[in-house]
Amino acid sequence: MDPHDLLRKTLEQRTIAAHRAYIDALVAWENAIRSSSSPDVSSPDAHQRRCLTARAEKERCRVAFRDLCDELGYIPFGHGVGLPTEAPAESEAHTRH
């Protein structure tokens, strides 16, 4: 394999991993926001800190993914990357509050 092809393949793999990390961070941020209706929230300040921390991580991952896409020259599609589907029980629990 040509060294240039190998570097591009490695860059594509890193971009795919960054995309997965961004999706995970996006879901974690959404879960942090949703946790405000949870009875186990210790305090509004703790909830706000959790949301801000999750948002900062989401943005860090987004920028890393964007930069890798720019370097790669395209957005890799497929590879099993996508938002998870929510279990019906979790979805119903969130809409009841």
Protein backbone atom coordinates (compact mmCIF):
# COMPACT_ATOMS: atom_id res chain seq x y z
CA MET A 1 0.00 0.00 0.00
CA ASP A 2 1.21 3.47 -0.91
CA PRO A 3 2.31 5.49 2.19
CA HIS A 4 -0.03 8.33 1.13
CA ASP A 5 -2.97 5.88 1.01
CA LEU A 6 -2.00 4.54 4.43
CA LEU A 7 -1.92 8.05 5.92
CA ARG A 8 -5.31 8.86 4.38
CA LYS A 9 -6.78 5.61 5.75
CA THR A 10 -5.40 6.41 9.21
CA LEU A 11 -6.81 9.95 8.99
CA GLU A 12 -10.18 8.54 7.94
CA GLN A 13 -10.16 6.14 10.91
CA ARG A 14 -9.32 9.00 13.28
CA THR A 15 -12.13 11.08 11.75
CA ILE A 16 -14.61 8.25 12.22
CA ALA A 17 -13.50 7.85 15.85
CA ALA A 18 -13.87 11.61 16.36
CA HIS A 19 -17.38 11.44 14.89
CA ARG A 20 -18.30 8.69 17.37
CA ALA A 21 -16.83 10.75 20.23
CA TYR A 22 -18.86 13.78 19.12
CA ILE A 23 -22.09 11.75 18.99
CA ASP A 24 -21.37 10.32 22.46
CA ALA A 25 -20.70 13.83 23.82
CA LEU A 26 -23.88 15.14 22.19
CA VAL A 27 -25.93 12.39 23.86
CA ALA A 28 -24.21 13.03 27.22
CA TRP A 29 -25.05 16.74 26.94
CA GLU A 30 -28.69 15.97 26.16
CA ASN A 31 -28.84 13.55 29.10
CA ALA A 32 -27.35 16.20 31.39
CA ILE A 33 -30.00 18.69 30.30
CA ARG A 34 -32.78 16.14 30.75
CA SER A 35 -31.56 15.23 34.22
CA SER A 36 -33.02 18.50 35.55
CA SER A 37 -36.36 16.70 35.94
CA SER A 38 -34.73 13.79 37.75
CA PRO A 39 -35.42 13.46 41.48
CA ASP A 40 -31.75 12.67 42.19
CA VAL A 41 -30.44 16.11 41.13
CA SER A 42 -28.49 17.33 44.16
CA SER A 43 -28.87 21.05 43.50
CA PRO A 44 -29.54 23.50 40.69
CA ASP A 45 -25.89 24.59 40.84
CA ALA A 46 -24.66 21.01 40.47
CA HIS A 47 -27.01 20.49 37.55
CA GLN A 48 -25.81 23.68 35.87
CA ARG A 49 -22.16 22.65 36.31
CA ARG A 50 -22.92 19.19 34.86
CA CYS A 51 -24.66 20.80 31.85
CA LEU A 52 -21.83 23.28 31.28
CA THR A 53 -19.19 20.56 31.52
CA ALA A 54 -21.10 18.31 29.10
CA ARG A 55 -21.59 21.23 26.69
CA ALA A 56 -17.88 22.08 26.76
CA GLU A 57 -16.98 18.46 26.01
CA LYS A 58 -19.52 18.36 23.17
CA GLU A 59 -18.00 21.50 21.65
CA ARG A 60 -14.45 20.16 22.05
CA CYS A 61 -15.46 16.97 20.23
CA ARG A 62 -17.33 18.91 17.53
CA VAL A 63 -14.30 21.07 16.78
CA ALA A 64 -11.98 18.05 16.70
CA PHE A 65 -14.32 16.26 14.29
CA ARG A 66 -14.71 19.35 12.09
CA ASP A 67 -10.94 19.88 11.93
CA LEU A 68 -10.33 16.25 10.97
CA CYS A 69 -13.03 16.47 8.27
CA ASP A 70 -11.36 19.60 6.93
CA GLU A 71 -8.00 17.84 6.85
CA LEU A 72 -9.49 14.72 5.25
CA GLY A 73 -11.41 16.75 2.69
CA TYR A 74 -14.74 15.00 3.17
CA ILE A 75 -17.11 13.67 5.81
CA PRO A 76 -16.95 9.88 6.01
CA PHE A 77 -20.43 8.34 5.95
CA GLY A 78 -21.64 5.01 7.25
CA HIS A 79 -19.32 3.10 9.53
CA GLY A 80 -22.14 2.58 12.03
CA VAL A 81 -21.96 6.13 13.38
CA GLY A 82 -25.27 7.64 14.41
CA LEU A 83 -27.47 8.72 17.24
CA PRO A 84 -28.64 5.86 19.44
CA THR A 85 -32.32 5.08 19.53
CA GLU A 86 -33.90 5.72 22.89
CA ALA A 87 -35.58 2.86 24.71
CA PRO A 88 -39.38 3.37 24.89
CA ALA A 89 -39.42 3.26 28.71
CA GLU A 90 -36.81 6.04 28.89
CA SER A 91 -38.68 8.13 26.34
CA GLU A 92 -41.97 7.80 28.22
CA ALA A 93 -40.31 8.58 31.55
CA HIS A 94 -38.97 11.87 30.14
CA THR A 95 -42.31 12.94 28.71
CA ARG A 96 -44.20 12.30 31.95
CA HIS A 97 -42.22 14.92 33.94
